[in-house]
């Protein structure tokens, strides 16, 4: 059976960590897809044509034939079920649930870090001022949780690599790549995820000048 054509809509600066998560998933699974960029500053995601594809008018959005899906964790979970040959989530149901927990937490919490350490730090090398008190508190929560999840310094969160490792590494790299203080074992963990070929492909995309 032929694979329906896949299109992935992402931001034109390639700075969305959520678009990156889906891009890496597609690459890990060896799926062919077209990459389509939208200029969010020009509100290209709010056009009538895109609104017909994405109810939430957000990137990433994956289009597969006549099926369209937005929200990154929904997309990666769908891809793992629809194309199970190469898994990006743990096989064990409890570990799989833990991976989803990590993803949901990173997307819903730690707002001060996301505000004060945008992914322009990660993908454009920008440097930001010292963290505010709120962001310092969020950084402490991130570091404490990451240390608990990675107790014993394993290479990956759940024994073998999964997509939640990429998501956690991006959040840590918001701090690490700005020069903020992060424990050495977490720096090594983030660097390990960053070396993955699928991650490097996203990191090395040609980005427009700001």
N, C-alpha and C. Protein backbone atom coordinates (compact mmCIF):
# COMPACT_ATOMS: atom_id res chain seq x y z
N UNK A 1 0.85 -1.20 0.00
CA UNK A 1 0.00 0.00 0.00
C UNK A 1 0.88 1.24 0.00
N UNK A 2 0.59 2.17 -0.90
CA UNK A 2 1.38 3.37 -0.99
C UNK A 2 1.06 4.32 0.15
N UNK A 3 2.10 4.97 0.65
CA UNK A 3 1.91 5.98 1.70
C UNK A 3 1.27 7.22 1.10
N UNK A 4 0.18 7.73 1.70
CA UNK A 4 -0.39 8.99 1.21
C UNK A 4 0.65 10.10 1.32
N UNK A 5 0.60 11.09 0.44
CA UNK A 5 1.58 12.17 0.53
C UNK A 5 1.43 12.92 1.85
N UNK A 6 2.55 13.25 2.46
CA UNK A 6 2.56 13.96 3.73
C UNK A 6 3.11 15.37 3.52
N UNK A 7 2.49 16.36 4.18
CA UNK A 7 2.99 17.73 4.21
C UNK A 7 3.05 18.16 5.66
N UNK A 8 4.15 18.80 6.02
CA UNK A 8 4.29 19.32 7.37
C UNK A 8 4.44 20.83 7.29
N UNK A 9 3.51 21.55 7.89
CA UNK A 9 3.55 23.01 7.96
C UNK A 9 4.29 23.42 9.23
N UNK A 10 5.31 24.26 9.06
CA UNK A 10 6.13 24.73 10.17
C UNK A 10 6.32 26.24 10.04
N UNK A 11 6.90 26.85 11.07
CA UNK A 11 7.17 28.28 11.02
C UNK A 11 8.37 28.56 10.11
N UNK A 12 8.36 29.72 9.47
CA UNK A 12 9.37 30.04 8.47
C UNK A 12 10.76 30.26 9.07
N UNK A 13 10.85 30.50 10.38
CA UNK A 13 12.15 30.66 11.03
C UNK A 13 12.70 29.32 11.54
N UNK A 14 11.90 28.28 11.47
CA UNK A 14 12.30 26.96 11.99
C UNK A 14 12.72 27.06 13.46
N UNK A 15 11.96 27.79 14.25
CA UNK A 15 12.29 27.93 15.67
C UNK A 15 11.26 27.27 16.59
N UNK A 16 10.18 26.76 16.03
CA UNK A 16 9.17 26.13 16.88
C UNK A 16 9.67 24.79 17.40
N UNK A 17 9.77 24.63 18.73
CA UNK A 17 10.20 23.33 19.25
C UNK A 17 9.18 22.24 18.98
N UNK A 18 7.94 22.63 18.78
CA UNK A 18 6.88 21.66 18.53
C UNK A 18 6.93 21.18 17.08
N UNK A 19 7.21 22.10 16.15
CA UNK A 19 7.45 21.69 14.77
C UNK A 19 8.67 20.78 14.69
N UNK A 20 9.71 21.12 15.44
CA UNK A 20 10.91 20.30 15.47
C UNK A 20 10.59 18.88 15.93
N UNK A 21 9.75 18.75 16.94
CA UNK A 21 9.40 17.44 17.47
C UNK A 21 8.76 16.56 16.40
N UNK A 22 7.86 17.15 15.61
CA UNK A 22 7.21 16.38 14.55
C UNK A 22 8.19 16.09 13.41
N UNK A 23 9.00 17.07 13.04
CA UNK A 23 10.02 16.88 11.99
C UNK A 23 10.93 15.72 12.35
N UNK A 24 11.42 15.71 13.59
CA UNK A 24 12.31 14.63 14.04
C UNK A 24 11.59 13.29 13.99
N UNK A 25 10.33 13.26 14.40
CA UNK A 25 9.56 12.02 14.35
C UNK A 25 9.46 11.49 12.93
N UNK A 26 9.15 12.36 11.98
CA UNK A 26 9.05 11.94 10.58
C UNK A 26 10.38 11.41 10.07
N UNK A 27 11.47 12.10 10.41
CA UNK A 27 12.79 11.65 9.97
C UNK A 27 13.16 10.31 10.61
N UNK A 28 12.88 10.16 11.90
CA UNK A 28 13.20 8.90 12.58
C UNK A 28 12.45 7.73 11.95
N UNK A 29 11.24 7.99 11.48
CA UNK A 29 10.42 6.94 10.88
C UNK A 29 10.73 6.74 9.39
N UNK A 30 11.58 7.58 8.84
CA UNK A 30 11.95 7.44 7.44
C UNK A 30 10.82 7.75 6.49
N UNK A 31 9.91 8.63 6.90
CA UNK A 31 8.76 8.97 6.07
C UNK A 31 9.09 10.17 5.18
N UNK A 32 8.72 10.06 3.92
CA UNK A 32 8.90 11.17 2.99
C UNK A 32 7.81 12.21 3.25
N UNK A 33 8.20 13.48 3.20
CA UNK A 33 7.21 14.54 3.40
C UNK A 33 7.72 15.83 2.79
N UNK A 34 6.77 16.69 2.47
CA UNK A 34 7.09 18.04 2.00
C UNK A 34 7.03 18.98 3.19
N UNK A 35 8.01 19.87 3.28
CA UNK A 35 8.07 20.85 4.36
C UNK A 35 7.56 22.18 3.81
N UNK A 36 6.51 22.71 4.43
CA UNK A 36 5.89 23.95 3.98
C UNK A 36 6.02 24.96 5.12
N UNK A 37 6.54 26.15 4.81
CA UNK A 37 6.75 27.15 5.85
C UNK A 37 5.66 28.22 5.80
N UNK A 38 5.32 28.71 6.98
CA UNK A 38 4.38 29.81 7.13
C UNK A 38 5.05 30.93 7.92
N UNK A 39 4.90 32.15 7.45
CA UNK A 39 5.43 33.31 8.15
C UNK A 39 4.41 33.71 9.21
N UNK A 40 4.69 33.36 10.45
CA UNK A 40 3.73 33.64 11.53
C UNK A 40 3.63 35.13 11.81
N UNK A 41 4.73 35.86 11.62
CA UNK A 41 4.70 37.31 11.85
C UNK A 41 3.77 38.00 10.84
N UNK A 42 3.65 37.40 9.65
CA UNK A 42 2.75 37.94 8.63
C UNK A 42 1.37 37.30 8.70
N UNK A 43 1.13 36.52 9.76
CA UNK A 43 -0.18 35.88 10.01
C UNK A 43 -0.60 34.94 8.89
N UNK A 44 0.37 34.29 8.25
CA UNK A 44 0.01 33.34 7.20
C UNK A 44 -0.76 32.13 7.75
N UNK A 45 -0.63 31.89 9.05
CA UNK A 45 -1.37 30.80 9.67
C UNK A 45 -2.83 31.15 9.91
N UNK A 46 -3.20 32.41 9.65
CA UNK A 46 -4.59 32.84 9.87
C UNK A 46 -5.36 33.02 8.57
N UNK A 47 -4.78 32.61 7.47
CA UNK A 47 -5.48 32.71 6.19
C UNK A 47 -6.63 31.71 6.15
N UNK A 48 -7.58 31.98 5.28
CA UNK A 48 -8.73 31.09 5.15
C UNK A 48 -8.31 29.69 4.69
N UNK A 49 -7.33 29.64 3.77
CA UNK A 49 -6.88 28.34 3.27
C UNK A 49 -6.28 27.49 4.39
N UNK A 50 -5.45 28.11 5.21
CA UNK A 50 -4.83 27.33 6.29
C UNK A 50 -5.85 26.99 7.36
N UNK A 51 -6.78 27.89 7.63
CA UNK A 51 -7.81 27.62 8.63
C UNK A 51 -8.65 26.41 8.25
N UNK A 52 -8.80 26.15 6.96
CA UNK A 52 -9.53 24.96 6.53
C UNK A 52 -8.77 23.69 6.86
N UNK A 53 -7.44 23.78 6.93
CA UNK A 53 -6.62 22.63 7.30
C UNK A 53 -6.48 22.48 8.81
N UNK A 54 -6.27 23.59 9.50
CA UNK A 54 -5.97 23.57 10.92
C UNK A 54 -7.03 24.33 11.69
N UNK A 55 -7.82 23.59 12.46
CA UNK A 55 -8.87 24.22 13.27
C UNK A 55 -8.25 25.23 14.24
N UNK A 56 -7.06 24.90 14.77
CA UNK A 56 -6.39 25.77 15.74
C UNK A 56 -5.53 26.84 15.07
N UNK A 57 -5.34 26.75 13.75
CA UNK A 57 -4.54 27.71 12.98
C UNK A 57 -3.13 27.82 13.56
N UNK A 58 -2.55 26.67 13.87
CA UNK A 58 -1.22 26.66 14.48
C UNK A 58 -0.29 25.73 13.71
N UNK A 59 0.99 25.97 13.90
CA UNK A 59 2.00 25.01 13.43
C UNK A 59 2.58 24.32 14.67
N UNK A 60 2.98 23.07 14.48
CA UNK A 60 2.94 22.29 13.24
C UNK A 60 1.54 21.79 12.92
N UNK A 61 1.30 21.62 11.63
CA UNK A 61 0.12 20.90 11.14
C UNK A 61 0.61 19.88 10.13
N UNK A 62 0.13 18.66 10.28
CA UNK A 62 0.47 17.57 9.36
C UNK A 62 -0.73 17.30 8.48
N UNK A 63 -0.49 17.20 7.17
CA UNK A 63 -1.54 16.85 6.22
C UNK A 63 -1.15 15.53 5.56
N UNK A 64 -2.07 14.59 5.61
CA UNK A 64 -1.87 13.26 5.02
C UNK A 64 -3.08 12.97 4.14
N UNK A 65 -2.92 13.18 2.84
CA UNK A 65 -4.07 13.02 1.96
C UNK A 65 -5.15 14.04 2.32
N UNK A 66 -6.32 13.55 2.69
CA UNK A 66 -7.41 14.46 3.06
C UNK A 66 -7.55 14.59 4.58
N UNK A 67 -6.55 14.14 5.32
CA UNK A 67 -6.56 14.20 6.79
C UNK A 67 -5.55 15.23 7.25
N UNK A 68 -5.97 16.14 8.12
CA UNK A 68 -5.08 17.16 8.66
C UNK A 68 -5.16 17.14 10.18
N UNK A 69 -4.00 17.34 10.82
CA UNK A 69 -3.93 17.26 12.28
C UNK A 69 -2.93 18.29 12.80
N UNK A 70 -3.33 19.02 13.82
CA UNK A 70 -2.46 19.99 14.47
C UNK A 70 -2.18 19.55 15.91
N UNK A 71 -1.27 20.28 16.56
CA UNK A 71 -0.80 20.04 17.93
C UNK A 71 0.22 18.90 17.91
N UNK A 72 1.44 19.24 18.27
CA UNK A 72 2.59 18.37 18.02
C UNK A 72 2.49 17.01 18.68
N UNK A 73 2.10 16.95 19.95
CA UNK A 73 2.06 15.64 20.60
C UNK A 73 0.96 14.76 20.02
N UNK A 74 -0.15 15.38 19.58
CA UNK A 74 -1.19 14.61 18.90
C UNK A 74 -0.64 14.04 17.59
N UNK A 75 0.16 14.84 16.89
CA UNK A 75 0.72 14.38 15.62
C UNK A 75 1.71 13.25 15.84
N UNK A 76 2.63 13.40 16.81
CA UNK A 76 3.63 12.34 17.02
C UNK A 76 2.98 11.06 17.50
N UNK A 77 1.95 11.17 18.33
CA UNK A 77 1.25 9.96 18.77
C UNK A 77 0.53 9.29 17.59
N UNK A 78 -0.08 10.10 16.73
CA UNK A 78 -0.74 9.54 15.55
C UNK A 78 0.27 8.83 14.65
N UNK A 79 1.39 9.49 14.38
CA UNK A 79 2.39 8.89 13.51
C UNK A 79 2.92 7.59 14.08
N UNK A 80 3.05 7.52 15.40
CA UNK A 80 3.56 6.29 16.00
C UNK A 80 2.57 5.14 15.85
N UNK A 81 1.29 5.46 15.85
CA UNK A 81 0.28 4.41 15.67
C UNK A 81 0.09 4.07 14.19
N UNK A 82 0.13 5.08 13.33
CA UNK A 82 -0.13 4.85 11.91
C UNK A 82 1.06 4.22 11.20
N UNK A 83 2.27 4.52 11.68
CA UNK A 83 3.51 4.01 11.06
C UNK A 83 4.37 3.38 12.17
N UNK A 84 3.97 2.20 12.65
CA UNK A 84 4.60 1.62 13.86
C UNK A 84 5.93 0.94 13.64
N UNK A 85 6.41 0.86 12.40
CA UNK A 85 7.64 0.09 12.14
C UNK A 85 8.82 0.60 12.96
N UNK A 86 8.97 1.91 13.06
CA UNK A 86 10.02 2.52 13.89
C UNK A 86 9.32 3.36 14.95
N UNK A 87 9.42 2.93 16.19
CA UNK A 87 8.69 3.60 17.27
C UNK A 87 9.45 4.83 17.77
N UNK A 88 8.69 5.87 18.13
CA UNK A 88 9.29 7.03 18.77
C UNK A 88 8.78 7.20 20.20
N UNK A 89 7.94 6.28 20.65
CA UNK A 89 7.50 6.22 22.04
C UNK A 89 7.86 4.85 22.61
N UNK A 90 8.04 4.74 23.93
CA UNK A 90 8.33 3.44 24.53
C UNK A 90 7.21 2.44 24.25
N UNK A 91 7.59 1.17 24.15
CA UNK A 91 6.59 0.12 23.91
C UNK A 91 5.79 -0.19 25.16
N UNK A 92 6.43 -0.12 26.32
CA UNK A 92 5.74 -0.40 27.57
C UNK A 92 4.68 0.66 27.85
N UNK A 93 3.43 0.27 28.13
CA UNK A 93 2.35 1.26 28.31
C UNK A 93 2.63 2.27 29.41
N UNK A 94 3.24 1.85 30.50
CA UNK A 94 3.50 2.77 31.60
C UNK A 94 4.61 3.76 31.22
N UNK A 95 5.66 3.27 30.57
CA UNK A 95 6.72 4.19 30.13
C UNK A 95 6.21 5.12 29.03
N UNK A 96 5.35 4.59 28.17
CA UNK A 96 4.75 5.43 27.13
C UNK A 96 3.94 6.56 27.76
N UNK A 97 3.17 6.22 28.79
CA UNK A 97 2.40 7.24 29.48
C UNK A 97 3.32 8.26 30.15
N UNK A 98 4.44 7.81 30.69
CA UNK A 98 5.41 8.73 31.30
C UNK A 98 6.00 9.67 30.25
N UNK A 99 6.29 9.14 29.07
CA UNK A 99 6.82 9.99 28.00
C UNK A 99 5.80 11.06 27.62
N UNK A 100 4.53 10.68 27.53
CA UNK A 100 3.49 11.66 27.23
C UNK A 100 3.36 12.68 28.35
N UNK A 101 3.54 12.20 29.59
CA UNK A 101 3.51 13.12 30.73
C UNK A 101 4.60 14.17 30.61
N UNK A 102 5.81 13.75 30.26
CA UNK A 102 6.92 14.69 30.09
C UNK A 102 6.57 15.71 29.00
N UNK A 103 6.05 15.23 27.88
CA UNK A 103 5.69 16.14 26.79
C UNK A 103 4.62 17.14 27.23
N UNK A 104 3.59 16.65 27.89
CA UNK A 104 2.50 17.54 28.31
C UNK A 104 3.00 18.58 29.31
N UNK A 105 3.87 18.17 30.22
CA UNK A 105 4.41 19.08 31.22
C UNK A 105 5.26 20.17 30.57
N UNK A 106 6.11 19.79 29.63
CA UNK A 106 6.97 20.77 28.97
C UNK A 106 6.16 21.78 28.17
N UNK A 107 5.00 21.37 27.67
CA UNK A 107 4.17 22.25 26.86
C UNK A 107 3.25 23.13 27.69
N UNK A 108 2.99 22.73 28.93
CA UNK A 108 1.98 23.44 29.72
C UNK A 108 2.56 24.20 30.91
N UNK A 109 3.79 23.91 31.30
CA UNK A 109 4.39 24.53 32.48
C UNK A 109 5.65 25.30 32.05
N UNK A 110 6.34 25.86 33.00
CA UNK A 110 7.64 26.51 32.78
C UNK A 110 7.54 27.72 31.85
N UNK A 111 6.39 28.39 31.88
CA UNK A 111 6.17 29.54 31.01
C UNK A 111 7.25 30.62 31.14
N UNK A 112 7.72 30.95 32.37
CA UNK A 112 8.76 31.99 32.45
C UNK A 112 10.02 31.65 31.67
N UNK A 113 10.38 30.37 31.61
CA UNK A 113 11.55 29.99 30.80
C UNK A 113 11.25 30.22 29.33
N UNK A 114 10.08 29.81 28.89
CA UNK A 114 9.73 29.98 27.49
C UNK A 114 9.65 31.46 27.11
N UNK A 115 9.24 32.30 28.05
CA UNK A 115 9.16 33.73 27.78
C UNK A 115 10.54 34.39 27.75
N UNK A 116 11.41 34.02 28.69
CA UNK A 116 12.69 34.71 28.83
C UNK A 116 13.84 34.02 28.11
N UNK A 117 13.60 32.80 27.64
CA UNK A 117 14.60 32.07 26.87
C UNK A 117 13.91 31.48 25.65
N UNK A 118 13.54 32.36 24.73
CA UNK A 118 12.86 31.90 23.53
C UNK A 118 13.79 30.99 22.73
N UNK A 119 13.23 30.29 21.78
CA UNK A 119 14.07 29.39 20.99
C UNK A 119 14.95 30.15 19.99
N UNK A 120 14.88 31.48 19.98
CA UNK A 120 15.90 32.24 19.25
C UNK A 120 17.26 32.02 19.90
N UNK A 121 17.27 31.75 21.20
CA UNK A 121 18.51 31.39 21.89
C UNK A 121 19.06 30.08 21.31
N UNK A 122 18.16 29.13 21.11
CA UNK A 122 18.57 27.78 20.71
C UNK A 122 18.99 27.73 19.24
N UNK A 123 18.22 28.39 18.38
CA UNK A 123 18.43 28.21 16.94
C UNK A 123 19.08 29.41 16.25
N UNK A 124 19.14 30.56 16.91
CA UNK A 124 19.79 31.73 16.34
C UNK A 124 20.96 32.23 17.18
N UNK A 125 21.22 31.60 18.31
CA UNK A 125 22.35 31.99 19.13
C UNK A 125 22.18 33.30 19.86
N UNK A 126 20.95 33.79 19.98
CA UNK A 126 20.74 35.04 20.72
C UNK A 126 21.06 34.84 22.20
N UNK A 127 21.48 35.91 22.84
CA UNK A 127 21.74 35.89 24.28
C UNK A 127 20.75 36.80 24.97
N UNK A 128 20.22 36.31 26.07
CA UNK A 128 19.19 37.04 26.80
C UNK A 128 19.71 37.49 28.17
N UNK A 129 19.08 38.50 28.77
CA UNK A 129 19.50 38.99 30.09
C UNK A 129 19.31 37.92 31.16
N UNK A 130 19.85 38.15 32.37
CA UNK A 130 19.66 37.18 33.45
C UNK A 130 18.18 36.89 33.72
N UNK A 131 17.92 35.69 34.19
CA UNK A 131 16.55 35.27 34.47
C UNK A 131 15.94 36.09 35.60
N UNK A 132 14.65 36.37 35.47
CA UNK A 132 13.91 36.99 36.55
C UNK A 132 13.73 35.98 37.69
N UNK A 133 13.21 36.44 38.82
CA UNK A 133 12.98 35.55 39.96
C UNK A 133 12.01 34.43 39.58
N UNK A 134 10.96 34.78 38.82
CA UNK A 134 10.00 33.75 38.40
C UNK A 134 10.66 32.72 37.50
N UNK A 135 11.48 33.19 36.57
CA UNK A 135 12.14 32.26 35.66
C UNK A 135 13.19 31.42 36.38
N UNK A 136 13.86 32.00 37.37
CA UNK A 136 14.80 31.21 38.17
C UNK A 136 14.06 30.08 38.88
N UNK A 137 12.87 30.38 39.40
CA UNK A 137 12.08 29.33 40.04
C UNK A 137 11.68 28.24 39.06
N UNK A 138 11.29 28.64 37.84
CA UNK A 138 10.94 27.67 36.82
C UNK A 138 12.16 26.83 36.43
N UNK A 139 13.32 27.47 36.35
CA UNK A 139 14.54 26.74 36.01
C UNK A 139 14.86 25.71 37.09
N UNK A 140 14.67 26.08 38.35
CA UNK A 140 14.91 25.12 39.43
C UNK A 140 13.95 23.93 39.32
N UNK A 141 12.69 24.19 38.97
CA UNK A 141 11.72 23.10 38.80
C UNK A 141 12.12 22.19 37.64
N UNK A 142 12.54 22.81 36.55
CA UNK A 142 12.97 22.03 35.39
C UNK A 142 14.15 21.14 35.74
N UNK A 143 15.16 21.72 36.37
CA UNK A 143 16.36 20.97 36.71
C UNK A 143 16.05 19.85 37.70
N UNK A 144 15.24 20.16 38.71
CA UNK A 144 14.89 19.15 39.70
C UNK A 144 14.14 17.98 39.06
N UNK A 145 13.18 18.28 38.20
CA UNK A 145 12.41 17.22 37.55
C UNK A 145 13.30 16.42 36.60
N UNK A 146 14.15 17.11 35.85
CA UNK A 146 15.04 16.41 34.91
C UNK A 146 15.99 15.48 35.67
N UNK A 147 16.51 15.94 36.79
CA UNK A 147 17.41 15.10 37.59
C UNK A 147 16.67 13.88 38.13
N UNK A 148 15.42 14.06 38.54
CA UNK A 148 14.64 12.92 39.03
C UNK A 148 14.36 11.93 37.90
N UNK A 149 14.00 12.44 36.73
CA UNK A 149 13.71 11.58 35.59
C UNK A 149 14.95 10.84 35.11
N UNK A 150 16.11 11.48 35.27
CA UNK A 150 17.37 10.93 34.75
C UNK A 150 18.29 10.47 35.87
N UNK A 151 17.71 10.05 36.98
CA UNK A 151 18.50 9.56 38.10
C UNK A 151 19.39 8.40 37.65
N UNK A 152 20.67 8.47 38.02
CA UNK A 152 21.63 7.46 37.58
C UNK A 152 22.28 7.79 36.26
N UNK A 153 21.91 8.94 35.68
CA UNK A 153 22.50 9.43 34.43
C UNK A 153 22.38 8.45 33.26
N UNK A 154 21.18 7.96 32.97
CA UNK A 154 21.01 7.12 31.78
C UNK A 154 21.16 7.96 30.52
N UNK A 155 21.39 7.28 29.42
CA UNK A 155 21.52 8.00 28.15
C UNK A 155 20.20 8.61 27.72
N UNK A 156 19.09 7.94 28.06
CA UNK A 156 17.77 8.37 27.63
C UNK A 156 16.78 8.24 28.78
N UNK A 157 15.65 8.87 28.66
CA UNK A 157 14.66 8.89 29.73
C UNK A 157 14.14 7.51 30.09
N UNK A 158 13.89 6.68 29.07
CA UNK A 158 13.19 5.42 29.32
C UNK A 158 13.94 4.22 28.72
N UNK A 159 15.25 4.23 28.87
CA UNK A 159 16.06 3.10 28.42
C UNK A 159 16.53 3.25 26.99
N UNK A 160 15.61 3.48 26.08
CA UNK A 160 15.94 3.73 24.68
C UNK A 160 15.42 5.11 24.30
N UNK A 161 16.02 5.68 23.27
CA UNK A 161 15.62 7.02 22.83
C UNK A 161 14.13 7.07 22.53
N UNK A 162 13.49 8.18 22.86
CA UNK A 162 12.13 8.45 22.43
C UNK A 162 11.99 9.94 22.17
N UNK A 163 10.88 10.34 21.58
CA UNK A 163 10.72 11.73 21.17
C UNK A 163 10.68 12.67 22.37
N UNK A 164 10.28 12.18 23.53
CA UNK A 164 10.29 13.03 24.73
C UNK A 164 11.71 13.46 25.10
N UNK A 165 12.72 12.68 24.73
CA UNK A 165 14.10 13.07 24.97
C UNK A 165 14.44 14.36 24.21
N UNK A 166 13.95 14.47 22.99
CA UNK A 166 14.20 15.68 22.20
C UNK A 166 13.51 16.87 22.83
N UNK A 167 12.27 16.68 23.25
CA UNK A 167 11.52 17.79 23.84
C UNK A 167 12.17 18.28 25.12
N UNK A 168 12.65 17.36 25.96
CA UNK A 168 13.31 17.76 27.19
C UNK A 168 14.64 18.45 26.88
N UNK A 169 15.37 17.96 25.90
CA UNK A 169 16.66 18.56 25.53
C UNK A 169 16.47 19.99 25.04
N UNK A 170 15.42 20.24 24.28
CA UNK A 170 15.16 21.61 23.81
C UNK A 170 14.95 22.54 24.99
N UNK A 171 14.15 22.10 25.95
CA UNK A 171 13.88 22.97 27.11
C UNK A 171 15.16 23.22 27.91
N UNK A 172 15.96 22.21 28.10
CA UNK A 172 17.24 22.39 28.81
C UNK A 172 18.16 23.31 28.02
N UNK A 173 18.16 23.18 26.70
CA UNK A 173 19.05 23.99 25.88
C UNK A 173 18.66 25.46 25.83
N UNK A 174 17.43 25.78 26.18
CA UNK A 174 17.06 27.19 26.32
C UNK A 174 17.95 27.85 27.37
N UNK A 175 18.29 27.10 28.40
CA UNK A 175 19.16 27.61 29.46
C UNK A 175 20.63 27.40 29.10
N UNK A 176 20.97 26.18 28.71
CA UNK A 176 22.37 25.81 28.46
C UNK A 176 23.00 26.72 27.41
N UNK A 177 22.29 26.92 26.29
CA UNK A 177 22.87 27.67 25.18
C UNK A 177 22.87 29.18 25.42
N UNK A 178 22.22 29.61 26.48
CA UNK A 178 22.32 31.01 26.88
C UNK A 178 23.42 31.22 27.91
N UNK A 179 24.01 30.12 28.39
CA UNK A 179 25.06 30.22 29.40
C UNK A 179 24.56 30.22 30.82
N UNK A 180 23.27 29.85 31.01
CA UNK A 180 22.75 29.75 32.37
C UNK A 180 23.28 28.49 33.05
N UNK A 181 23.25 28.49 34.36
CA UNK A 181 23.82 27.39 35.13
C UNK A 181 22.90 26.16 35.07
N UNK A 182 23.45 25.07 34.56
CA UNK A 182 22.75 23.79 34.48
C UNK A 182 23.74 22.71 34.88
N UNK A 183 23.33 21.74 35.71
CA UNK A 183 24.26 20.68 36.14
C UNK A 183 24.90 19.96 34.95
N UNK A 184 26.15 19.59 35.15
CA UNK A 184 26.92 19.02 34.03
C UNK A 184 26.30 17.75 33.47
N UNK A 185 25.66 16.95 34.30
CA UNK A 185 25.08 15.71 33.78
C UNK A 185 23.89 16.00 32.88
N UNK A 186 23.18 17.09 33.14
CA UNK A 186 22.06 17.46 32.27
C UNK A 186 22.57 18.11 30.98
N UNK A 187 23.68 18.83 31.07
CA UNK A 187 24.31 19.37 29.86
C UNK A 187 24.72 18.22 28.94
N UNK A 188 25.33 17.18 29.52
CA UNK A 188 25.76 16.03 28.74
C UNK A 188 24.57 15.31 28.12
N UNK A 189 23.49 15.20 28.87
CA UNK A 189 22.27 14.57 28.35
C UNK A 189 21.74 15.36 27.15
N UNK A 190 21.64 16.68 27.29
CA UNK A 190 21.13 17.51 26.20
C UNK A 190 22.04 17.42 24.97
N UNK A 191 23.32 17.43 25.19
CA UNK A 191 24.27 17.32 24.07
C UNK A 191 24.10 15.99 23.35
N UNK A 192 23.85 14.93 24.10
CA UNK A 192 23.66 13.60 23.51
C UNK A 192 22.45 13.61 22.57
N UNK A 193 21.37 14.22 23.00
CA UNK A 193 20.18 14.27 22.14
C UNK A 193 20.44 15.14 20.92
N UNK A 194 21.21 16.21 21.11
CA UNK A 194 21.48 17.17 20.03
C UNK A 194 22.31 16.55 18.92
N UNK A 195 23.08 15.52 19.23
CA UNK A 195 23.95 14.88 18.24
C UNK A 195 23.17 13.93 17.31
N UNK A 196 21.95 13.63 17.65
CA UNK A 196 21.17 12.69 16.85
C UNK A 196 20.99 13.25 15.43
N UNK A 197 21.21 12.45 14.38
CA UNK A 197 21.15 12.98 13.01
C UNK A 197 19.84 13.69 12.68
N UNK A 198 18.71 13.15 13.12
CA UNK A 198 17.43 13.79 12.81
C UNK A 198 17.32 15.15 13.48
N UNK A 199 17.88 15.29 14.67
CA UNK A 199 17.88 16.56 15.38
C UNK A 199 18.82 17.54 14.67
N UNK A 200 19.99 17.08 14.30
CA UNK A 200 20.95 17.93 13.62
C UNK A 200 20.39 18.44 12.29
N UNK A 201 19.58 17.63 11.63
CA UNK A 201 19.02 18.08 10.36
C UNK A 201 18.13 19.31 10.59
N UNK A 202 17.34 19.29 11.66
CA UNK A 202 16.51 20.45 11.98
C UNK A 202 17.38 21.63 12.41
N UNK A 203 18.34 21.36 13.27
CA UNK A 203 19.20 22.44 13.77
C UNK A 203 19.91 23.15 12.62
N UNK A 204 20.28 22.39 11.60
CA UNK A 204 21.09 22.94 10.51
C UNK A 204 20.27 23.43 9.32
N UNK A 205 18.95 23.50 9.46
CA UNK A 205 18.15 24.09 8.38
C UNK A 205 18.60 25.52 8.12
N UNK A 206 18.53 25.95 6.88
CA UNK A 206 18.93 27.32 6.53
C UNK A 206 17.83 28.29 6.97
N UNK A 207 18.17 29.13 7.94
CA UNK A 207 17.19 30.06 8.48
C UNK A 207 17.38 31.46 7.92
N UNK A 208 16.28 32.18 7.69
CA UNK A 208 16.40 33.55 7.19
C UNK A 208 16.99 34.46 8.27
N UNK A 209 17.61 35.53 7.85
CA UNK A 209 18.12 36.52 8.81
C UNK A 209 16.94 37.17 9.52
N UNK A 210 17.16 37.50 10.77
CA UNK A 210 16.10 38.15 11.55
C UNK A 210 16.00 39.62 11.19
